[in-house]
N, C-alpha and C. Protein backbone atom coordinates (compact mmCIF):
# COMPACT_ATOMS: atom_id res chain seq x y z
N MET A 1 11.69 -23.68 -22.67
CA MET A 1 11.65 -22.60 -21.52
C MET A 1 10.56 -21.75 -21.94
N PHE A 2 9.73 -21.41 -20.90
CA PHE A 2 8.59 -20.38 -21.10
C PHE A 2 9.04 -19.00 -20.57
N SER A 3 8.17 -18.07 -21.02
CA SER A 3 8.25 -16.64 -20.64
C SER A 3 6.97 -16.32 -19.90
N GLU A 4 7.02 -15.12 -19.25
CA GLU A 4 5.86 -14.44 -18.59
C GLU A 4 4.66 -14.28 -19.65
N LYS A 5 5.12 -13.99 -20.69
CA LYS A 5 4.13 -13.67 -21.80
C LYS A 5 3.27 -15.07 -22.15
N ASP A 6 3.94 -16.17 -21.96
CA ASP A 6 3.20 -17.32 -22.11
C ASP A 6 1.93 -17.64 -21.29
N PHE A 7 2.43 -17.20 -19.89
CA PHE A 7 1.54 -17.32 -18.81
C PHE A 7 0.26 -16.38 -19.13
N PHE A 8 0.64 -15.07 -19.54
CA PHE A 8 -0.52 -14.12 -19.70
C PHE A 8 -1.35 -14.45 -20.89
N ALA A 9 -0.75 -15.19 -22.01
CA ALA A 9 -1.47 -15.75 -23.17
C ALA A 9 -2.40 -16.92 -22.79
N ALA A 10 -1.83 -17.67 -22.04
CA ALA A 10 -2.59 -18.87 -21.64
C ALA A 10 -3.66 -18.57 -20.63
N GLY A 11 -3.66 -17.42 -20.01
CA GLY A 11 -4.67 -17.12 -19.03
C GLY A 11 -5.02 -18.16 -18.02
N ASP A 12 -4.00 -18.92 -17.60
CA ASP A 12 -4.17 -19.89 -16.54
C ASP A 12 -4.17 -19.10 -15.24
N LEU A 13 -5.26 -19.23 -14.67
CA LEU A 13 -5.48 -18.36 -13.33
C LEU A 13 -4.60 -18.96 -12.24
N GLU A 14 -4.41 -20.17 -12.22
CA GLU A 14 -3.61 -20.64 -10.89
C GLU A 14 -2.24 -20.47 -11.15
N VAL A 15 -1.68 -20.32 -12.39
CA VAL A 15 -0.41 -20.01 -12.78
C VAL A 15 -0.23 -18.45 -12.47
N LEU A 16 -1.12 -17.60 -12.80
CA LEU A 16 -1.12 -16.11 -12.51
C LEU A 16 -1.06 -15.92 -11.14
N TYR A 17 -1.74 -16.64 -10.40
CA TYR A 17 -1.86 -16.62 -8.99
C TYR A 17 -0.56 -16.97 -8.33
N GLN A 18 -0.07 -18.11 -8.62
CA GLN A 18 1.16 -18.72 -8.16
C GLN A 18 2.43 -17.66 -8.40
N LEU A 19 2.45 -17.20 -9.68
CA LEU A 19 3.50 -16.25 -10.05
C LEU A 19 3.33 -15.02 -9.30
N GLY A 20 2.14 -14.58 -9.01
CA GLY A 20 2.00 -13.39 -8.36
C GLY A 20 2.53 -13.57 -6.83
N LEU A 21 2.18 -14.78 -6.24
CA LEU A 21 2.87 -14.88 -4.98
C LEU A 21 4.24 -14.81 -5.00
N LYS A 22 4.93 -15.66 -6.12
CA LYS A 22 6.42 -15.62 -6.04
C LYS A 22 7.05 -14.29 -6.12
N TYR A 23 6.40 -13.33 -6.87
CA TYR A 23 6.80 -11.95 -6.97
C TYR A 23 6.79 -11.20 -5.65
N ALA A 24 5.59 -11.46 -4.93
CA ALA A 24 5.30 -10.79 -3.68
C ALA A 24 6.19 -11.23 -2.61
N ARG A 25 6.63 -12.56 -2.68
CA ARG A 25 7.63 -13.11 -1.62
C ARG A 25 9.09 -13.13 -2.12
N GLY A 26 9.38 -12.89 -3.37
CA GLY A 26 10.74 -12.82 -3.86
C GLY A 26 11.22 -14.27 -4.04
N GLU A 27 10.33 -15.27 -4.33
CA GLU A 27 10.72 -16.55 -4.40
C GLU A 27 11.05 -16.90 -5.81
N LEU A 28 12.33 -17.31 -6.08
CA LEU A 28 12.71 -17.60 -7.47
C LEU A 28 12.91 -16.55 -8.48
N VAL A 29 12.34 -15.36 -8.09
CA VAL A 29 12.38 -14.28 -8.95
C VAL A 29 12.79 -12.99 -7.92
N THR A 30 13.07 -11.89 -8.49
CA THR A 30 13.43 -10.75 -7.80
C THR A 30 12.03 -10.19 -7.09
N GLU A 31 11.94 -9.87 -5.89
CA GLU A 31 10.70 -9.40 -5.22
C GLU A 31 10.25 -8.17 -5.98
N ASN A 32 9.06 -8.15 -6.36
CA ASN A 32 8.49 -6.88 -7.13
C ASN A 32 7.01 -6.84 -6.83
N PRO A 33 6.68 -6.08 -5.72
CA PRO A 33 5.28 -5.93 -5.34
C PRO A 33 4.25 -5.51 -6.49
N PHE A 34 4.81 -4.69 -7.22
CA PHE A 34 3.92 -4.14 -8.37
C PHE A 34 3.54 -5.08 -9.27
N LYS A 35 4.58 -5.92 -9.75
CA LYS A 35 4.22 -7.04 -10.66
C LYS A 35 3.45 -8.06 -9.98
N ALA A 36 3.52 -8.39 -8.58
CA ALA A 36 2.75 -9.24 -7.88
C ALA A 36 1.32 -8.72 -7.90
N ALA A 37 1.06 -7.51 -7.75
CA ALA A 37 -0.24 -6.96 -7.58
C ALA A 37 -0.91 -7.04 -8.93
N LYS A 38 -0.21 -6.81 -10.08
CA LYS A 38 -0.67 -6.84 -11.44
C LYS A 38 -1.10 -8.27 -11.80
N LEU A 39 -0.27 -9.21 -11.39
CA LEU A 39 -0.67 -10.71 -11.71
C LEU A 39 -1.79 -11.08 -10.83
N MET A 40 -1.91 -10.68 -9.63
CA MET A 40 -2.87 -11.01 -8.64
C MET A 40 -4.19 -10.47 -9.32
N ARG A 41 -4.22 -9.32 -9.73
CA ARG A 41 -5.39 -8.67 -10.23
C ARG A 41 -6.00 -9.40 -11.43
N GLN A 42 -5.00 -9.83 -12.44
CA GLN A 42 -5.44 -10.56 -13.44
C GLN A 42 -6.23 -11.83 -13.20
N ALA A 43 -5.59 -12.57 -12.22
CA ALA A 43 -6.35 -13.86 -11.69
C ALA A 43 -7.60 -13.41 -11.06
N ALA A 44 -7.51 -12.37 -10.27
CA ALA A 44 -8.73 -11.91 -9.49
C ALA A 44 -10.00 -11.61 -10.34
N GLU A 45 -9.59 -10.76 -11.27
CA GLU A 45 -10.68 -10.34 -12.11
C GLU A 45 -11.30 -11.30 -12.83
N GLN A 46 -10.64 -12.52 -12.99
CA GLN A 46 -11.21 -13.57 -13.85
C GLN A 46 -11.87 -14.62 -12.91
N GLY A 47 -12.01 -14.32 -11.67
CA GLY A 47 -12.72 -15.18 -10.61
C GLY A 47 -11.79 -16.11 -9.72
N HIS A 48 -10.55 -16.02 -9.61
CA HIS A 48 -9.84 -16.86 -8.83
C HIS A 48 -9.98 -16.41 -7.39
N ALA A 49 -10.64 -17.03 -6.48
CA ALA A 49 -11.05 -16.74 -5.16
C ALA A 49 -9.79 -16.38 -4.26
N GLU A 50 -8.69 -17.39 -4.35
CA GLU A 50 -7.54 -17.16 -3.59
C GLU A 50 -6.94 -15.80 -4.09
N ALA A 51 -6.83 -15.57 -5.35
CA ALA A 51 -6.18 -14.14 -5.76
C ALA A 51 -7.06 -13.02 -5.39
N GLN A 52 -8.35 -13.22 -5.33
CA GLN A 52 -9.21 -12.07 -4.74
C GLN A 52 -8.92 -11.80 -3.47
N PHE A 53 -8.81 -12.84 -2.70
CA PHE A 53 -8.45 -12.66 -1.15
C PHE A 53 -7.08 -11.87 -1.13
N VAL A 54 -6.12 -12.48 -1.68
CA VAL A 54 -4.70 -11.94 -1.60
C VAL A 54 -4.82 -10.50 -2.15
N LEU A 55 -5.48 -10.18 -3.25
CA LEU A 55 -5.57 -8.82 -3.69
C LEU A 55 -6.18 -7.84 -2.65
N GLY A 56 -7.12 -8.40 -1.89
CA GLY A 56 -7.77 -7.63 -0.91
C GLY A 56 -6.61 -7.33 0.20
N VAL A 57 -5.97 -8.20 0.44
CA VAL A 57 -4.73 -8.10 1.46
C VAL A 57 -3.85 -7.00 0.97
N PHE A 58 -3.50 -7.09 -0.40
CA PHE A 58 -2.66 -6.13 -0.89
C PHE A 58 -3.09 -4.71 -0.68
N TYR A 59 -4.41 -4.50 -1.11
CA TYR A 59 -5.08 -3.25 -0.73
C TYR A 59 -5.19 -2.79 0.59
N TYR A 60 -5.37 -3.81 1.51
CA TYR A 60 -5.54 -3.41 2.90
C TYR A 60 -4.23 -2.91 3.62
N VAL A 61 -3.15 -3.52 3.14
CA VAL A 61 -1.82 -3.17 3.61
C VAL A 61 -0.92 -2.31 2.63
N GLY A 62 -1.38 -2.33 1.35
CA GLY A 62 -0.53 -1.37 0.54
C GLY A 62 0.62 -2.21 -0.10
N ILE A 63 0.46 -3.37 -0.59
CA ILE A 63 1.48 -4.12 -1.31
C ILE A 63 1.40 -3.96 -2.85
N GLY A 64 2.22 -3.17 -3.28
CA GLY A 64 2.12 -2.99 -4.92
C GLY A 64 0.96 -2.09 -5.35
N VAL A 65 0.14 -1.60 -4.44
CA VAL A 65 -1.06 -0.88 -4.76
C VAL A 65 -1.25 0.16 -3.48
N PRO A 66 -1.89 1.24 -3.66
CA PRO A 66 -1.98 2.16 -2.45
C PRO A 66 -2.99 1.32 -1.66
N VAL A 67 -2.97 1.90 -0.34
CA VAL A 67 -3.85 1.37 0.80
C VAL A 67 -5.24 1.99 0.34
N GLU A 68 -6.13 1.05 0.13
CA GLU A 68 -7.55 1.35 -0.21
C GLU A 68 -8.49 0.53 0.60
N ARG A 69 -8.98 0.79 1.68
CA ARG A 69 -9.73 -0.13 2.38
C ARG A 69 -11.10 -0.54 1.73
N CYS A 70 -11.60 0.44 1.03
CA CYS A 70 -12.87 0.13 0.38
C CYS A 70 -12.52 -1.00 -0.81
N GLU A 71 -11.41 -0.83 -1.50
CA GLU A 71 -11.00 -1.80 -2.43
C GLU A 71 -10.81 -3.13 -1.92
N ALA A 72 -10.30 -3.02 -0.70
CA ALA A 72 -9.80 -4.26 0.00
C ALA A 72 -11.16 -5.11 0.28
N GLN A 73 -12.02 -4.36 0.83
CA GLN A 73 -13.24 -4.86 1.19
C GLN A 73 -13.99 -5.46 0.07
N ARG A 74 -13.93 -4.74 -1.05
CA ARG A 74 -14.52 -5.41 -2.35
C ARG A 74 -14.04 -6.66 -2.71
N TRP A 75 -12.71 -6.73 -2.74
CA TRP A 75 -12.05 -8.03 -3.07
C TRP A 75 -12.28 -9.19 -1.95
N PHE A 76 -12.34 -8.73 -0.70
CA PHE A 76 -12.68 -9.72 0.39
C PHE A 76 -14.07 -10.42 0.18
N CYS A 77 -15.00 -9.49 -0.17
CA CYS A 77 -16.43 -9.74 -0.41
C CYS A 77 -16.53 -10.87 -1.56
N LYS A 78 -15.71 -10.49 -2.71
CA LYS A 78 -15.76 -11.33 -3.88
C LYS A 78 -15.29 -12.80 -3.56
N ALA A 79 -14.21 -12.79 -2.80
CA ALA A 79 -13.69 -14.19 -2.43
C ALA A 79 -14.49 -14.89 -1.43
N ALA A 80 -15.05 -14.23 -0.49
CA ALA A 80 -15.93 -14.73 0.49
C ALA A 80 -17.13 -15.29 -0.26
N ALA A 81 -17.68 -14.62 -1.15
CA ALA A 81 -18.85 -15.16 -1.80
C ALA A 81 -18.71 -16.40 -2.59
N GLN A 82 -17.42 -16.72 -2.87
CA GLN A 82 -17.06 -18.07 -3.52
C GLN A 82 -16.68 -18.96 -2.49
N GLY A 83 -16.77 -18.70 -1.20
CA GLY A 83 -16.58 -19.78 -0.22
C GLY A 83 -15.15 -19.65 0.37
N ASN A 84 -14.25 -18.76 0.09
CA ASN A 84 -12.89 -18.61 0.64
C ASN A 84 -12.97 -18.26 2.10
N LYS A 85 -12.44 -19.38 2.82
CA LYS A 85 -12.55 -19.07 4.19
C LYS A 85 -11.83 -18.12 4.88
N PRO A 86 -10.57 -17.82 4.43
CA PRO A 86 -9.76 -16.84 4.92
C PRO A 86 -10.44 -15.40 4.69
N ALA A 87 -11.10 -15.31 3.59
CA ALA A 87 -11.84 -13.98 3.19
C ALA A 87 -13.01 -13.84 4.27
N GLN A 88 -13.85 -14.91 4.47
CA GLN A 88 -14.89 -14.84 5.34
C GLN A 88 -14.49 -14.44 6.72
N GLN A 89 -13.43 -15.02 7.15
CA GLN A 89 -12.92 -14.73 8.56
C GLN A 89 -12.45 -13.21 8.68
N THR A 90 -11.85 -12.89 7.59
CA THR A 90 -11.27 -11.43 7.62
C THR A 90 -12.54 -10.51 7.66
N LEU A 91 -13.51 -10.87 6.94
CA LEU A 91 -14.66 -9.86 6.93
C LEU A 91 -15.37 -9.94 8.28
N GLN A 92 -15.45 -11.08 8.87
CA GLN A 92 -16.04 -11.30 10.22
C GLN A 92 -15.19 -10.32 11.24
N ILE A 93 -13.76 -10.51 11.22
CA ILE A 93 -12.96 -9.85 12.04
C ILE A 93 -13.06 -8.41 12.02
N LEU A 94 -13.02 -7.96 10.67
CA LEU A 94 -12.98 -6.57 10.43
C LEU A 94 -14.42 -5.89 10.34
N GLY A 95 -15.37 -6.85 10.46
CA GLY A 95 -16.59 -6.18 10.23
C GLY A 95 -17.17 -4.93 11.17
N GLU A 96 -16.44 -5.04 12.27
CA GLU A 96 -16.78 -3.97 13.30
C GLU A 96 -16.13 -2.75 13.00
N THR A 97 -14.96 -2.74 12.23
CA THR A 97 -14.16 -1.57 11.88
C THR A 97 -14.34 -0.92 10.49
N TRP A 98 -15.10 -1.62 9.75
CA TRP A 98 -15.31 -1.09 8.25
C TRP A 98 -16.12 0.11 8.35
């Protein structure tokens, strides 16, 4: 059996991202938006493009973090720069309102 500490120690970005999604959705674990944001940030800071996009969404709507549109834009831009299509589309859609 593994623990969350094993994930943190391993630094596996995809595992951090997937675990963050599970905490955000309450899938197989108790829903915890704060833990979701923490895990997503860990993966995002290490360059996981999908985590960067999701963290941008968290900041845009305030899931586990305060609503901070500038921070959301920063993470959307990081993800878009790596070719993340949802981030690119989000920036295009929101481009007129930033």
